[in-house]
């Protein structure tokens, strides 16, 4: 399976993520690095895109949608869709959950930009985003492989 995985400069478990997935794209300067990542999507044509950030709760969870909001009230894409659906793998027999609410932080910004790009380019690549606890990193790839 051709995974294209990204995370953020502030994600504390980058090495663990790289052990599971190999190459991991790290977003540092958000807007600049997102442009490079979008170009990488076109070049690599992955079968799955996975965004990973740190969970700030007691469990790892997947985001089911992305919203066109940054910091609660600013639109990410002026004429963009209000919400876009994300890919959520089968989470039965895992410790992962589905997030009950959406964020409007940098995570959501990156997800919305990538989702909008996929729609604009008419790319049917599944795109999942997870907030993850360190102990769940070793199980993340397995969730997608059994799909």
N, C-alpha and C. Protein backbone atom coordinates (compact mmCIF):
# COMPACT_ATOMS: atom_id res chain seq x y z
N UNK A 1 0.85 -1.18 0.00
CA UNK A 1 0.00 0.00 0.00
C UNK A 1 0.89 1.24 0.00
N UNK A 2 0.59 2.20 -0.87
CA UNK A 2 1.39 3.42 -0.97
C UNK A 2 0.89 4.50 -0.03
N UNK A 3 1.42 4.50 1.19
CA UNK A 3 1.04 5.49 2.19
C UNK A 3 1.82 6.78 1.97
N UNK A 4 1.14 7.90 2.12
CA UNK A 4 1.79 9.20 2.19
C UNK A 4 1.37 9.80 3.53
N UNK A 5 2.31 9.89 4.44
CA UNK A 5 2.02 10.29 5.82
C UNK A 5 2.66 11.64 6.11
N UNK A 6 1.91 12.49 6.81
CA UNK A 6 2.48 13.76 7.25
C UNK A 6 2.15 14.00 8.71
N UNK A 7 2.97 14.83 9.31
CA UNK A 7 2.76 15.27 10.68
C UNK A 7 3.27 16.70 10.79
N UNK A 8 3.38 17.18 12.01
CA UNK A 8 3.78 18.56 12.26
C UNK A 8 5.13 18.60 12.98
N UNK A 9 5.83 19.69 12.79
CA UNK A 9 7.13 19.89 13.43
C UNK A 9 7.05 19.67 14.94
N UNK A 10 5.94 20.00 15.53
CA UNK A 10 5.78 19.90 16.99
C UNK A 10 5.38 18.51 17.47
N UNK A 11 5.13 17.57 16.55
CA UNK A 11 4.73 16.21 16.96
C UNK A 11 5.93 15.54 17.63
N UNK A 12 5.80 15.14 18.89
CA UNK A 12 6.96 14.64 19.65
C UNK A 12 7.41 13.22 19.30
N UNK A 13 6.63 12.48 18.53
CA UNK A 13 6.97 11.07 18.27
C UNK A 13 7.24 10.82 16.78
N UNK A 14 7.96 11.74 16.16
CA UNK A 14 8.26 11.61 14.74
C UNK A 14 9.07 10.35 14.43
N UNK A 15 10.02 10.02 15.27
CA UNK A 15 10.85 8.84 15.03
C UNK A 15 10.02 7.56 15.09
N UNK A 16 9.10 7.47 16.02
CA UNK A 16 8.22 6.30 16.11
C UNK A 16 7.35 6.18 14.86
N UNK A 17 6.88 7.32 14.39
CA UNK A 17 6.05 7.34 13.18
C UNK A 17 6.87 6.90 11.96
N UNK A 18 8.10 7.36 11.87
CA UNK A 18 8.98 6.98 10.76
C UNK A 18 9.32 5.50 10.81
N UNK A 19 9.45 4.94 11.99
CA UNK A 19 9.70 3.50 12.10
C UNK A 19 8.55 2.68 11.52
N UNK A 20 7.34 3.17 11.69
CA UNK A 20 6.16 2.45 11.18
C UNK A 20 5.92 2.68 9.69
N UNK A 21 6.16 3.89 9.21
CA UNK A 21 5.78 4.24 7.85
C UNK A 21 6.94 4.56 6.91
N UNK A 22 8.14 4.64 7.42
CA UNK A 22 9.26 5.05 6.57
C UNK A 22 9.29 6.56 6.46
N UNK A 23 9.19 7.07 5.25
CA UNK A 23 9.21 8.51 5.05
C UNK A 23 7.95 9.15 5.63
N UNK A 24 8.15 10.22 6.35
CA UNK A 24 7.05 11.02 6.90
C UNK A 24 7.34 12.47 6.56
N UNK A 25 6.40 13.13 5.93
CA UNK A 25 6.55 14.54 5.59
C UNK A 25 6.22 15.36 6.82
N UNK A 26 7.09 16.30 7.18
CA UNK A 26 6.89 17.12 8.37
C UNK A 26 6.57 18.56 7.95
N UNK A 27 5.41 19.03 8.40
CA UNK A 27 5.01 20.41 8.14
C UNK A 27 5.63 21.31 9.21
N UNK A 28 6.43 22.25 8.78
CA UNK A 28 7.02 23.22 9.70
C UNK A 28 6.39 24.59 9.44
N UNK A 29 6.74 25.16 8.28
CA UNK A 29 6.10 26.39 7.82
C UNK A 29 4.85 25.95 7.08
N UNK A 30 3.73 26.10 7.72
CA UNK A 30 2.49 25.49 7.28
C UNK A 30 2.15 25.74 5.81
N UNK A 31 2.03 26.98 5.40
CA UNK A 31 1.60 27.28 4.03
C UNK A 31 2.62 26.81 3.00
N UNK A 32 3.88 27.10 3.23
CA UNK A 32 4.94 26.69 2.29
C UNK A 32 5.02 25.18 2.19
N UNK A 33 5.05 24.52 3.32
CA UNK A 33 5.20 23.07 3.33
C UNK A 33 3.97 22.36 2.78
N UNK A 34 2.81 22.94 2.97
CA UNK A 34 1.60 22.35 2.38
C UNK A 34 1.68 22.36 0.86
N UNK A 35 2.21 23.43 0.29
CA UNK A 35 2.36 23.48 -1.17
C UNK A 35 3.28 22.36 -1.65
N UNK A 36 4.35 22.12 -0.93
CA UNK A 36 5.27 21.02 -1.28
C UNK A 36 4.57 19.67 -1.13
N UNK A 37 3.77 19.54 -0.08
CA UNK A 37 3.07 18.28 0.15
C UNK A 37 2.04 18.01 -0.95
N UNK A 38 1.34 19.04 -1.38
CA UNK A 38 0.36 18.88 -2.46
C UNK A 38 1.05 18.45 -3.75
N UNK A 39 2.22 19.01 -4.01
CA UNK A 39 2.99 18.60 -5.19
C UNK A 39 3.44 17.14 -5.04
N UNK A 40 3.77 16.74 -3.84
CA UNK A 40 4.18 15.36 -3.58
C UNK A 40 3.02 14.38 -3.83
N UNK A 41 1.82 14.80 -3.49
CA UNK A 41 0.64 13.96 -3.76
C UNK A 41 0.54 13.69 -5.25
N UNK A 42 0.68 14.73 -6.07
CA UNK A 42 0.59 14.56 -7.52
C UNK A 42 1.71 13.67 -8.05
N UNK A 43 2.89 13.82 -7.48
CA UNK A 43 4.05 13.04 -7.93
C UNK A 43 3.95 11.58 -7.51
N UNK A 44 3.62 11.34 -6.24
CA UNK A 44 3.63 9.99 -5.68
C UNK A 44 2.36 9.19 -6.02
N UNK A 45 1.25 9.89 -6.18
CA UNK A 45 -0.05 9.24 -6.40
C UNK A 45 -0.27 8.09 -5.39
N UNK A 46 -0.32 8.43 -4.11
CA UNK A 46 -0.46 7.40 -3.07
C UNK A 46 -1.84 6.74 -3.10
N UNK A 47 -1.93 5.59 -2.46
CA UNK A 47 -3.24 4.93 -2.34
C UNK A 47 -3.95 5.37 -1.07
N UNK A 48 -3.21 6.04 -0.17
CA UNK A 48 -3.79 6.53 1.08
C UNK A 48 -2.94 7.67 1.62
N UNK A 49 -3.59 8.71 2.11
CA UNK A 49 -2.92 9.82 2.78
C UNK A 49 -3.35 9.79 4.24
N UNK A 50 -2.37 9.93 5.14
CA UNK A 50 -2.66 9.91 6.57
C UNK A 50 -1.97 11.10 7.23
N UNK A 51 -2.76 11.93 7.90
CA UNK A 51 -2.24 13.02 8.70
C UNK A 51 -2.24 12.59 10.16
N UNK A 52 -1.18 12.97 10.89
CA UNK A 52 -1.04 12.53 12.27
C UNK A 52 -0.65 13.71 13.16
N UNK A 53 -1.37 13.85 14.25
CA UNK A 53 -1.06 14.87 15.26
C UNK A 53 -1.20 14.23 16.64
N UNK A 54 -0.75 14.92 17.63
CA UNK A 54 -0.79 14.43 19.01
C UNK A 54 -2.20 14.54 19.59
N UNK A 55 -2.63 13.47 20.23
CA UNK A 55 -3.94 13.49 20.91
C UNK A 55 -3.79 14.26 22.22
N UNK A 56 -4.74 15.14 22.48
CA UNK A 56 -4.72 15.88 23.74
C UNK A 56 -5.78 15.34 24.70
N UNK A 57 -6.25 14.13 24.39
CA UNK A 57 -7.22 13.48 25.27
C UNK A 57 -6.63 12.14 25.71
N UNK A 58 -7.41 11.36 26.39
CA UNK A 58 -6.92 10.08 26.90
C UNK A 58 -7.03 8.95 25.88
N UNK A 59 -7.40 9.27 24.65
CA UNK A 59 -7.54 8.23 23.63
C UNK A 59 -7.17 8.79 22.26
N UNK A 60 -6.80 7.90 21.37
CA UNK A 60 -6.52 8.27 19.98
C UNK A 60 -7.83 8.29 19.22
N UNK A 61 -7.94 9.21 18.27
CA UNK A 61 -9.19 9.31 17.53
C UNK A 61 -8.97 9.81 16.10
N UNK A 62 -9.90 9.45 15.23
CA UNK A 62 -9.91 9.91 13.85
C UNK A 62 -10.92 11.03 13.70
N UNK A 63 -10.60 11.96 12.81
CA UNK A 63 -11.52 13.05 12.49
C UNK A 63 -12.42 12.59 11.33
N UNK A 64 -13.74 12.68 11.47
CA UNK A 64 -14.62 12.26 10.39
C UNK A 64 -14.85 13.33 9.32
N UNK A 65 -14.68 14.60 9.69
CA UNK A 65 -14.87 15.70 8.74
C UNK A 65 -13.84 16.79 9.02
N UNK A 66 -13.68 17.65 8.04
CA UNK A 66 -12.90 18.87 8.20
C UNK A 66 -13.82 20.03 7.90
N UNK A 67 -13.65 21.11 8.63
CA UNK A 67 -14.50 22.29 8.45
C UNK A 67 -13.66 23.44 7.89
N UNK A 68 -14.32 24.31 7.15
CA UNK A 68 -13.65 25.44 6.52
C UNK A 68 -13.54 26.61 7.51
N UNK A 69 -12.88 26.34 8.61
CA UNK A 69 -12.68 27.37 9.65
C UNK A 69 -11.30 27.22 10.25
N UNK A 70 -10.68 28.36 10.50
CA UNK A 70 -9.40 28.40 11.20
C UNK A 70 -9.55 29.36 12.37
N UNK A 71 -9.18 28.92 13.54
CA UNK A 71 -9.33 29.74 14.76
C UNK A 71 -10.77 30.21 14.95
N UNK A 72 -11.68 29.32 14.77
CA UNK A 72 -13.11 29.47 15.01
C UNK A 72 -13.89 30.32 14.03
N UNK A 73 -13.30 31.40 13.46
CA UNK A 73 -14.14 32.25 12.62
C UNK A 73 -13.54 32.65 11.27
N UNK A 74 -12.30 32.31 10.98
CA UNK A 74 -11.69 32.67 9.71
C UNK A 74 -11.85 31.52 8.72
N UNK A 75 -12.27 31.82 7.50
CA UNK A 75 -12.39 30.78 6.49
C UNK A 75 -11.00 30.40 5.99
N UNK A 76 -10.80 29.11 5.76
CA UNK A 76 -9.53 28.63 5.23
C UNK A 76 -9.49 28.88 3.73
N UNK A 77 -10.58 28.54 3.05
CA UNK A 77 -10.70 28.76 1.61
C UNK A 77 -11.95 29.60 1.39
N UNK A 78 -11.75 30.81 0.90
CA UNK A 78 -12.83 31.79 0.83
C UNK A 78 -14.13 31.25 0.21
N UNK A 79 -14.04 30.62 -0.94
CA UNK A 79 -15.24 30.09 -1.60
C UNK A 79 -15.34 28.57 -1.44
N UNK A 80 -14.66 28.03 -0.45
CA UNK A 80 -14.61 26.59 -0.28
C UNK A 80 -15.84 26.00 0.39
N UNK A 81 -15.93 24.68 0.32
CA UNK A 81 -17.02 23.94 0.97
C UNK A 81 -16.97 24.15 2.48
N UNK A 82 -18.14 24.16 3.11
CA UNK A 82 -18.24 24.34 4.56
C UNK A 82 -17.62 23.15 5.30
N UNK A 83 -17.90 21.95 4.82
CA UNK A 83 -17.37 20.72 5.42
C UNK A 83 -16.98 19.75 4.31
N UNK A 84 -15.97 18.93 4.60
CA UNK A 84 -15.58 17.86 3.69
C UNK A 84 -15.40 16.59 4.51
N UNK A 85 -15.85 15.48 3.95
CA UNK A 85 -15.74 14.20 4.65
C UNK A 85 -14.33 13.64 4.54
N UNK A 86 -13.90 12.96 5.59
CA UNK A 86 -12.61 12.29 5.61
C UNK A 86 -12.82 10.79 5.68
N UNK A 87 -11.80 10.05 5.32
CA UNK A 87 -11.84 8.60 5.41
C UNK A 87 -11.60 8.18 6.86
N UNK A 88 -12.47 7.34 7.37
CA UNK A 88 -12.30 6.76 8.70
C UNK A 88 -12.26 5.25 8.53
N UNK A 89 -11.14 4.63 8.92
CA UNK A 89 -11.05 3.18 8.77
C UNK A 89 -11.96 2.46 9.75
N UNK A 90 -12.09 1.17 9.57
CA UNK A 90 -12.86 0.34 10.50
C UNK A 90 -12.11 0.32 11.83
N UNK A 91 -12.72 0.80 12.86
CA UNK A 91 -12.06 0.92 14.16
C UNK A 91 -12.49 -0.16 15.16
N UNK A 92 -13.30 -1.12 14.71
CA UNK A 92 -13.67 -2.22 15.59
C UNK A 92 -12.40 -2.96 15.99
N UNK A 93 -12.39 -3.43 17.19
CA UNK A 93 -11.24 -4.16 17.75
C UNK A 93 -9.98 -3.31 17.84
N UNK A 94 -10.15 -1.98 17.96
CA UNK A 94 -9.02 -1.08 18.20
C UNK A 94 -9.37 -0.20 19.38
N UNK A 95 -8.38 0.54 19.85
CA UNK A 95 -8.62 1.49 20.94
C UNK A 95 -8.94 2.89 20.41
N UNK A 96 -8.94 3.06 19.08
CA UNK A 96 -9.23 4.35 18.47
C UNK A 96 -10.72 4.65 18.52
N UNK A 97 -11.03 5.92 18.53
CA UNK A 97 -12.42 6.38 18.49
C UNK A 97 -12.60 7.35 17.34
N UNK A 98 -13.83 7.80 17.16
CA UNK A 98 -14.12 8.85 16.19
C UNK A 98 -14.36 10.13 16.97
N UNK A 99 -13.71 11.20 16.56
CA UNK A 99 -13.82 12.46 17.27
C UNK A 99 -15.25 12.99 17.24
N UNK A 100 -15.76 13.39 18.40
CA UNK A 100 -17.14 13.93 18.45
C UNK A 100 -17.23 15.39 18.01
N UNK A 101 -16.10 16.08 17.91
CA UNK A 101 -16.11 17.49 17.52
C UNK A 101 -14.90 17.79 16.64
N UNK A 102 -15.02 18.84 15.85
CA UNK A 102 -13.94 19.23 14.96
C UNK A 102 -13.11 20.33 15.59
N UNK A 103 -11.83 20.32 15.24
CA UNK A 103 -10.97 21.40 15.70
C UNK A 103 -10.95 22.49 14.64
N UNK A 104 -10.46 23.64 14.99
CA UNK A 104 -10.27 24.70 14.00
C UNK A 104 -8.83 25.21 14.08
N UNK A 105 -7.94 24.32 14.49
CA UNK A 105 -6.54 24.69 14.67
C UNK A 105 -5.73 24.38 13.40
N UNK A 106 -4.40 24.35 13.56
CA UNK A 106 -3.51 24.05 12.46
C UNK A 106 -3.79 22.67 11.85
N UNK A 107 -4.19 21.72 12.68
CA UNK A 107 -4.52 20.39 12.17
C UNK A 107 -5.63 20.49 11.14
N UNK A 108 -6.72 21.12 11.52
CA UNK A 108 -7.86 21.27 10.62
C UNK A 108 -7.48 22.09 9.40
N UNK A 109 -6.65 23.10 9.57
CA UNK A 109 -6.21 23.91 8.43
C UNK A 109 -5.55 23.02 7.38
N UNK A 110 -4.61 22.19 7.82
CA UNK A 110 -3.90 21.31 6.88
C UNK A 110 -4.86 20.32 6.24
N UNK A 111 -5.74 19.75 7.03
CA UNK A 111 -6.69 18.76 6.52
C UNK A 111 -7.62 19.38 5.49
N UNK A 112 -8.12 20.56 5.78
CA UNK A 112 -9.05 21.19 4.85
C UNK A 112 -8.36 21.56 3.53
N UNK A 113 -7.16 22.07 3.62
CA UNK A 113 -6.40 22.42 2.41
C UNK A 113 -6.17 21.18 1.55
N UNK A 114 -5.75 20.08 2.17
CA UNK A 114 -5.47 18.85 1.43
C UNK A 114 -6.76 18.28 0.86
N UNK A 115 -7.81 18.23 1.65
CA UNK A 115 -9.10 17.70 1.17
C UNK A 115 -9.63 18.51 0.00
N UNK A 116 -9.53 19.82 0.08
CA UNK A 116 -9.99 20.69 -1.00
C UNK A 116 -9.17 20.46 -2.26
N UNK A 117 -7.88 20.29 -2.09
CA UNK A 117 -6.99 20.01 -3.21
C UNK A 117 -7.38 18.70 -3.89
N UNK A 118 -7.63 17.67 -3.10
CA UNK A 118 -8.02 16.38 -3.65
C UNK A 118 -9.31 16.51 -4.46
N UNK A 119 -10.25 17.28 -3.94
CA UNK A 119 -11.51 17.50 -4.66
C UNK A 119 -11.29 18.29 -5.95
N UNK A 120 -10.54 19.36 -5.87
CA UNK A 120 -10.28 20.20 -7.04
C UNK A 120 -9.58 19.42 -8.14
N UNK A 121 -8.63 18.57 -7.74
CA UNK A 121 -7.86 17.78 -8.71
C UNK A 121 -8.58 16.49 -9.11
N UNK A 122 -9.75 16.27 -8.49
CA UNK A 122 -10.54 15.05 -8.75
C UNK A 122 -9.75 13.77 -8.50
N UNK A 123 -9.03 13.79 -7.38
CA UNK A 123 -8.25 12.63 -6.95
C UNK A 123 -9.08 11.86 -5.92
N UNK A 124 -9.26 10.60 -6.14
CA UNK A 124 -10.08 9.78 -5.24
C UNK A 124 -9.19 9.00 -4.27
N UNK A 125 -8.27 9.70 -3.65
CA UNK A 125 -7.35 9.09 -2.70
C UNK A 125 -7.97 9.20 -1.31
N UNK A 126 -8.16 8.09 -0.61
CA UNK A 126 -8.66 8.19 0.77
C UNK A 126 -7.69 9.01 1.63
N UNK A 127 -8.26 9.86 2.47
CA UNK A 127 -7.46 10.74 3.32
C UNK A 127 -8.01 10.65 4.74
N UNK A 128 -7.16 10.20 5.65
CA UNK A 128 -7.54 10.05 7.05
C UNK A 128 -6.67 10.95 7.91
N UNK A 129 -7.25 11.43 8.98
CA UNK A 129 -6.49 12.24 9.94
C UNK A 129 -6.77 11.75 11.35
N UNK A 130 -5.68 11.53 12.09
CA UNK A 130 -5.80 11.04 13.45
C UNK A 130 -5.02 11.89 14.43
N UNK A 131 -5.59 12.02 15.61
CA UNK A 131 -4.88 12.54 16.77
C UNK A 131 -4.54 11.30 17.58
N UNK A 132 -3.27 11.10 17.85
CA UNK A 132 -2.83 9.81 18.35
C UNK A 132 -2.00 9.90 19.63
N UNK A 133 -2.17 8.88 20.46
CA UNK A 133 -1.34 8.71 21.66
C UNK A 133 -0.10 7.92 21.25
N UNK A 134 1.00 8.13 21.92
CA UNK A 134 2.25 7.45 21.57
C UNK A 134 2.09 5.94 21.48
N UNK A 135 1.39 5.34 22.43
CA UNK A 135 1.28 3.88 22.47
C UNK A 135 0.47 3.30 21.31
N UNK A 136 -0.29 4.13 20.60
CA UNK A 136 -1.10 3.64 19.48
C UNK A 136 -0.40 3.74 18.13
N UNK A 137 0.75 4.39 18.07
CA UNK A 137 1.45 4.55 16.80
C UNK A 137 1.77 3.20 16.18
N UNK A 138 2.18 2.24 17.00
CA UNK A 138 2.57 0.92 16.48
C UNK A 138 1.39 0.18 15.85
N UNK A 139 0.16 0.57 16.15
CA UNK A 139 -1.02 -0.10 15.60
C UNK A 139 -1.65 0.65 14.43
N UNK A 140 -1.18 1.85 14.15
CA UNK A 140 -1.84 2.68 13.15
C UNK A 140 -1.79 2.07 11.75
N UNK A 141 -0.65 1.62 11.31
CA UNK A 141 -0.53 1.05 9.97
C UNK A 141 -1.40 -0.19 9.80
N UNK A 142 -1.47 -1.00 10.85
CA UNK A 142 -2.27 -2.24 10.81
C UNK A 142 -3.75 -1.94 10.55
N UNK A 143 -4.24 -0.86 11.10
CA UNK A 143 -5.65 -0.48 10.90
C UNK A 143 -5.96 -0.31 9.43
N UNK A 144 -5.03 0.29 8.69
CA UNK A 144 -5.26 0.54 7.26
C UNK A 144 -5.03 -0.70 6.41
N UNK A 145 -4.11 -1.54 6.81
CA UNK A 145 -3.78 -2.73 6.02
C UNK A 145 -4.93 -3.74 6.00
N UNK A 146 -5.67 -3.84 7.10
CA UNK A 146 -6.77 -4.80 7.15
C UNK A 146 -8.04 -4.30 6.45
N UNK A 147 -8.03 -3.09 5.95
CA UNK A 147 -9.22 -2.52 5.30
C UNK A 147 -9.57 -3.24 4.04
